[in-house]
Amino acid sequence: MNKLILPVAIFFSVLIAGKASEHFGLEGSWKIGLLCVVAAAVQIAVTRFQRLQQQKVQR
């Protein structure tokens, strides 16, 4: 189950960011850049969260 958290989080965050960028009228490379930044930020956040949870269990 934990292996599905990252892809699902990235999927929904990129979906929401895409809808927001359409609402604000971003097009082309700006929209793609925003989606890439959102995906990278979510990956970093989820990975850090999972790592912290794993460290708590080991202690």
PDB file of N, CA and C in Angstrom:
ATOM      1  N   MET A   1       0.819  -1.201   0.000  1.00  0.00           N
ATOM      2  CA  MET A   1       0.000   0.000   0.000  1.00  0.00           C
ATOM      3  C   MET A   1       0.861   1.262   0.000  1.00  0.00           C
ATOM      4  N   ASN A   2       1.969   1.256   0.745  1.00  0.00           N
ATOM      5  CA  ASN A   2       2.826   2.433   0.804  1.00  0.00           C
ATOM      6  C   ASN A   2       3.453   2.770  -0.539  1.00  0.00           C
ATOM      7  N   LYS A   3       3.617   1.766  -1.402  1.00  0.00           N
ATOM      8  CA  LYS A   3       4.227   2.021  -2.701  1.00  0.00           C
ATOM      9  C   LYS A   3       3.278   2.779  -3.625  1.00  0.00           C
ATOM     10  N   LEU A   4       1.988   2.769  -3.334  1.00  0.00           N
ATOM     11  CA  LEU A   4       1.020   3.467  -4.169  1.00  0.00           C
ATOM     12  C   LEU A   4       0.813   4.918  -3.758  1.00  0.00           C
ATOM     13  N   ILE A   5       1.291   5.302  -2.594  1.00  0.00           N
ATOM     14  CA  ILE A   5       1.056   6.651  -2.105  1.00  0.00           C
ATOM     15  C   ILE A   5       1.710   7.690  -3.011  1.00  0.00           C
ATOM     16  N   LEU A   6       2.948   7.490  -3.400  1.00  0.00           N
ATOM     17  CA  LEU A   6       3.665   8.470  -4.211  1.00  0.00           C
ATOM     18  C   LEU A   6       3.019   8.679  -5.584  1.00  0.00           C
ATOM     19  N   PRO A   7       2.755   7.614  -6.360  1.00  0.00           N
ATOM     20  CA  PRO A   7       2.129   7.852  -7.665  1.00  0.00           C
ATOM     21  C   PRO A   7       0.750   8.498  -7.577  1.00  0.00           C
ATOM     22  N   VAL A   8      -0.035   8.111  -6.585  1.00  0.00           N
ATOM     23  CA  VAL A   8      -1.369   8.679  -6.428  1.00  0.00           C
ATOM     24  C   VAL A   8      -1.266  10.153  -6.035  1.00  0.00           C
ATOM     25  N   ALA A   9      -0.342  10.469  -5.133  1.00  0.00           N
ATOM     26  CA  ALA A   9      -0.166  11.862  -4.719  1.00  0.00           C
ATOM     27  C   ALA A   9       0.291  12.726  -5.889  1.00  0.00           C
ATOM     28  N   ILE A  10       1.217  12.223  -6.686  1.00  0.00           N
ATOM     29  CA  ILE A  10       1.680  12.980  -7.853  1.00  0.00           C
ATOM     30  C   ILE A  10       0.546  13.155  -8.852  1.00  0.00           C
ATOM     31  N   PHE A  11      -0.206  12.099  -9.105  1.00  0.00           N
ATOM     32  CA  PHE A  11      -1.306  12.170 -10.068  1.00  0.00           C
ATOM     33  C   PHE A  11      -2.312  13.243  -9.689  1.00  0.00           C
ATOM     34  N   PHE A  12      -2.780  13.211  -8.446  1.00  0.00           N
ATOM     35  CA  PHE A  12      -3.808  14.163  -8.043  1.00  0.00           C
ATOM     36  C   PHE A  12      -3.270  15.584  -7.936  1.00  0.00           C
ATOM     37  N   SER A  13      -2.041  15.756  -7.484  1.00  0.00           N
ATOM     38  CA  SER A  13      -1.495  17.110  -7.386  1.00  0.00           C
ATOM     39  C   SER A  13      -1.270  17.715  -8.763  1.00  0.00           C
ATOM     40  N   VAL A  14      -0.810  16.915  -9.727  1.00  0.00           N
ATOM     41  CA  VAL A  14      -0.626  17.419 -11.090  1.00  0.00           C
ATOM     42  C   VAL A  14      -1.983  17.701 -11.732  1.00  0.00           C
ATOM     43  N   LEU A  15      -2.961  16.880 -11.456  1.00  0.00           N
ATOM     44  CA  LEU A  15      -4.312  17.111 -11.971  1.00  0.00           C
ATOM     45  C   LEU A  15      -4.865  18.439 -11.447  1.00  0.00           C
ATOM     46  N   ILE A  16      -4.717  18.687 -10.170  1.00  0.00           N
ATOM     47  CA  ILE A  16      -5.205  19.928  -9.568  1.00  0.00           C
ATOM     48  C   ILE A  16      -4.419  21.127 -10.094  1.00  0.00           C
ATOM     49  N   ALA A  17      -3.101  20.983 -10.200  1.00  0.00           N
ATOM     50  CA  ALA A  17      -2.285  22.081 -10.723  1.00  0.00           C
ATOM     51  C   ALA A  17      -2.633  22.367 -12.185  1.00  0.00           C
ATOM     52  N   GLY A  18      -2.936  21.333 -12.955  1.00  0.00           N
ATOM     53  CA  GLY A  18      -3.331  21.527 -14.340  1.00  0.00           C
ATOM     54  C   GLY A  18      -4.634  22.291 -14.454  1.00  0.00           C
ATOM     55  N   LYS A  19      -5.600  21.945 -13.609  1.00  0.00           N
ATOM     56  CA  LYS A  19      -6.873  22.665 -13.623  1.00  0.00           C
ATOM     57  C   LYS A  19      -6.673  24.121 -13.206  1.00  0.00           C
ATOM     58  N   ALA A  20      -5.826  24.346 -12.205  1.00  0.00           N
ATOM     59  CA  ALA A  20      -5.554  25.712 -11.754  1.00  0.00           C
ATOM     60  C   ALA A  20      -4.841  26.515 -12.842  1.00  0.00           C
ATOM     61  N   SER A  21      -3.907  25.890 -13.532  1.00  0.00           N
ATOM     62  CA  SER A  21      -3.186  26.609 -14.585  1.00  0.00           C
ATOM     63  C   SER A  21      -4.107  26.935 -15.769  1.00  0.00           C
ATOM     64  N   GLU A  22      -5.066  26.058 -16.053  1.00  0.00           N
ATOM     65  CA  GLU A  22      -6.056  26.372 -17.086  1.00  0.00           C
ATOM     66  C   GLU A  22      -6.938  27.543 -16.660  1.00  0.00           C
ATOM     67  N   HIS A  23      -7.279  27.571 -15.387  1.00  0.00           N
ATOM     68  CA  HIS A  23      -8.119  28.646 -14.866  1.00  0.00           C
ATOM     69  C   HIS A  23      -7.412  29.996 -14.997  1.00  0.00           C
ATOM     70  N   PHE A  24      -6.096  30.022 -14.749  1.00  0.00           N
ATOM     71  CA  PHE A  24      -5.341  31.263 -14.825  1.00  0.00           C
ATOM     72  C   PHE A  24      -4.809  31.547 -16.229  1.00  0.00           C
ATOM     73  N   GLY A  25      -5.073  30.668 -17.177  1.00  0.00           N
ATOM     74  CA  GLY A  25      -4.731  30.926 -18.561  1.00  0.00           C
ATOM     75  C   GLY A  25      -3.293  30.654 -18.952  1.00  0.00           C
ATOM     76  N   LEU A  26      -2.600  29.816 -18.207  1.00  0.00           N
ATOM     77  CA  LEU A  26      -1.231  29.465 -18.597  1.00  0.00           C
ATOM     78  C   LEU A  26      -1.259  28.526 -19.791  1.00  0.00           C
ATOM     79  N   GLU A  27      -0.312  28.707 -20.685  1.00  0.00           N
ATOM     80  CA  GLU A  27      -0.268  27.859 -21.877  1.00  0.00           C
ATOM     81  C   GLU A  27       1.161  27.431 -22.156  1.00  0.00           C
ATOM     82  N   GLY A  28       1.275  26.360 -22.905  1.00  0.00           N
ATOM     83  CA  GLY A  28       2.565  25.915 -23.426  1.00  0.00           C
ATOM     84  C   GLY A  28       3.577  25.536 -22.370  1.00  0.00           C
ATOM     85  N   SER A  29       4.772  26.082 -22.528  1.00  0.00           N
ATOM     86  CA  SER A  29       5.886  25.677 -21.673  1.00  0.00           C
ATOM     87  C   SER A  29       5.694  26.122 -20.225  1.00  0.00           C
ATOM     88  N   TRP A  30       4.945  27.209 -19.994  1.00  0.00           N
ATOM     89  CA  TRP A  30       4.684  27.632 -18.613  1.00  0.00           C
ATOM     90  C   TRP A  30       3.873  26.578 -17.868  1.00  0.00           C
ATOM     91  N   LYS A  31       2.877  26.051 -18.552  1.00  0.00           N
ATOM     92  CA  LYS A  31       2.020  25.034 -17.924  1.00  0.00           C
ATOM     93  C   LYS A  31       2.814  23.758 -17.665  1.00  0.00           C
ATOM     94  N   ILE A  32       3.607  23.334 -18.630  1.00  0.00           N
ATOM     95  CA  ILE A  32       4.419  22.122 -18.464  1.00  0.00           C
ATOM     96  C   ILE A  32       5.439  22.314 -17.344  1.00  0.00           C
ATOM     97  N   GLY A  33       6.048  23.479 -17.296  1.00  0.00           N
ATOM     98  CA  GLY A  33       7.015  23.776 -16.236  1.00  0.00           C
ATOM     99  C   GLY A  33       6.381  23.741 -14.860  1.00  0.00           C
ATOM    100  N   LEU A  34       5.202  24.325 -14.747  1.00  0.00           N
ATOM    101  CA  LEU A  34       4.485  24.318 -13.471  1.00  0.00           C
ATOM    102  C   LEU A  34       4.155  22.896 -13.040  1.00  0.00           C
ATOM    103  N   LEU A  35       3.695  22.077 -13.967  1.00  0.00           N
ATOM    104  CA  LEU A  35       3.344  20.694 -13.635  1.00  0.00           C
ATOM    105  C   LEU A  35       4.572  19.901 -13.204  1.00  0.00           C
ATOM    106  N   CYS A  36       5.709  20.153 -13.840  1.00  0.00           N
ATOM    107  CA  CYS A  36       6.951  19.470 -13.451  1.00  0.00           C
ATOM    108  C   CYS A  36       7.403  19.893 -12.057  1.00  0.00           C
ATOM    109  N   VAL A  37       7.296  21.181 -11.766  1.00  0.00           N
ATOM    110  CA  VAL A  37       7.685  21.676 -10.438  1.00  0.00           C
ATOM    111  C   VAL A  37       6.775  21.092  -9.364  1.00  0.00           C
ATOM    112  N   VAL A  38       5.492  21.032  -9.642  1.00  0.00           N
ATOM    113  CA  VAL A  38       4.539  20.455  -8.681  1.00  0.00           C
ATOM    114  C   VAL A  38       4.844  18.981  -8.444  1.00  0.00           C
ATOM    115  N   ALA A  39       5.094  18.232  -9.520  1.00  0.00           N
ATOM    116  CA  ALA A  39       5.397  16.807  -9.376  1.00  0.00           C
ATOM    117  C   ALA A  39       6.679  16.597  -8.570  1.00  0.00           C
ATOM    118  N   ALA A  40       7.691  17.405  -8.829  1.00  0.00           N
ATOM    119  CA  ALA A  40       8.951  17.276  -8.082  1.00  0.00           C
ATOM    120  C   ALA A  40       8.761  17.620  -6.613  1.00  0.00           C
ATOM    121  N   ALA A  41       8.019  18.674  -6.331  1.00  0.00           N
ATOM    122  CA  ALA A  41       7.781  19.072  -4.945  1.00  0.00           C
ATOM    123  C   ALA A  41       7.004  18.001  -4.182  1.00  0.00           C
ATOM    124  N   VAL A  42       6.003  17.425  -4.824  1.00  0.00           N
ATOM    125  CA  VAL A  42       5.221  16.367  -4.171  1.00  0.00           C
ATOM    126  C   VAL A  42       6.081  15.139  -3.934  1.00  0.00           C
ATOM    127  N   GLN A  43       6.935  14.790  -4.888  1.00  0.00           N
ATOM    128  CA  GLN A  43       7.810  13.632  -4.709  1.00  0.00           C
ATOM    129  C   GLN A  43       8.745  13.846  -3.528  1.00  0.00           C
ATOM    130  N   ILE A  44       9.331  15.028  -3.420  1.00  0.00           N
ATOM    131  CA  ILE A  44      10.232  15.320  -2.312  1.00  0.00           C
ATOM    132  C   ILE A  44       9.485  15.265  -0.986  1.00  0.00           C
ATOM    133  N   ALA A  45       8.305  15.879  -0.933  1.00  0.00           N
ATOM    134  CA  ALA A  45       7.530  15.923   0.313  1.00  0.00           C
ATOM    135  C   ALA A  45       7.092  14.534   0.761  1.00  0.00           C
ATOM    136  N   VAL A  46       6.575  13.736  -0.161  1.00  0.00           N
ATOM    137  CA  VAL A  46       6.097  12.398   0.199  1.00  0.00           C
ATOM    138  C   VAL A  46       7.265  11.502   0.603  1.00  0.00           C
ATOM    139  N   THR A  47       8.378  11.601  -0.093  1.00  0.00           N
ATOM    140  CA  THR A  47       9.542  10.789   0.243  1.00  0.00           C
ATOM    141  C   THR A  47      10.069  11.131   1.629  1.00  0.00           C
ATOM    142  N   ARG A  48      10.139  12.420   1.943  1.00  0.00           N
ATOM    143  CA  ARG A  48      10.594  12.827   3.284  1.00  0.00           C
ATOM    144  C   ARG A  48       9.630  12.358   4.358  1.00  0.00           C
ATOM    145  N   PHE A  49       8.330  12.470   4.082  1.00  0.00           N
ATOM    146  CA  PHE A  49       7.335  12.020   5.048  1.00  0.00           C
ATOM    147  C   PHE A  49       7.451  10.526   5.298  1.00  0.00           C
ATOM    148  N   GLN A  50       7.595   9.744   4.224  1.00  0.00           N
ATOM    149  CA  GLN A  50       7.729   8.295   4.385  1.00  0.00           C
ATOM    150  C   GLN A  50       9.012   7.938   5.123  1.00  0.00           C
ATOM    151  N   ARG A  51      10.086   8.654   4.856  1.00  0.00           N
ATOM    152  CA  ARG A  51      11.352   8.397   5.529  1.00  0.00           C
ATOM    153  C   ARG A  51      11.249   8.695   7.026  1.00  0.00           C
ATOM    154  N   LEU A  52      10.566   9.792   7.379  1.00  0.00           N
ATOM    155  CA  LEU A  52      10.367  10.113   8.785  1.00  0.00           C
ATOM    156  C   LEU A  52       9.531   9.044   9.487  1.00  0.00           C
ATOM    157  N   GLN A  53       8.493   8.576   8.824  1.00  0.00           N
ATOM    158  CA  GLN A  53       7.652   7.536   9.426  1.00  0.00           C
ATOM    159  C   GLN A  53       8.442   6.255   9.626  1.00  0.00           C
ATOM    160  N   GLN A  54       9.305   5.933   8.669  1.00  0.00           N
ATOM    161  CA  GLN A  54      10.120   4.713   8.776  1.00  0.00           C
ATOM    162  C   GLN A  54      11.121   4.845   9.928  1.00  0.00           C
ATOM    163  N   GLN A  55      11.685   6.022  10.118  1.00  0.00           N
ATOM    164  CA  GLN A  55      12.630   6.226  11.204  1.00  0.00           C
ATOM    165  C   GLN A  55      11.950   6.138  12.553  1.00  0.00           C
ATOM    166  N   LYS A  56      10.713   6.605  12.652  1.00  0.00           N
ATOM    167  CA  LYS A  56       9.963   6.515  13.902  1.00  0.00           C
ATOM    168  C   LYS A  56       9.685   5.065  14.263  1.00  0.00           C
ATOM    169  N   VAL A  57       9.409   4.236  13.274  1.00  0.00           N
ATOM    170  CA  VAL A  57       9.108   2.819  13.526  1.00  0.00           C
ATOM    171  C   VAL A  57      10.363   2.093  13.994  1.00  0.00           C
ATOM    172  N   GLN A  58      11.508   2.446  13.451  1.00  0.00           N
ATOM    173  CA  GLN A  58      12.753   1.769  13.803  1.00  0.00           C
ATOM    174  C   GLN A  58      13.225   2.108  15.218  1.00  0.00           C
ATOM    175  N   ARG A  59      12.817   3.227  15.744  1.00  0.00           N
ATOM    176  CA  ARG A  59      13.274   3.637  17.083  1.00  0.00           C
ATOM    177  C   ARG A  59      12.547   2.951  18.137  1.00  0.00           C
TER     178      ARG A  59
END
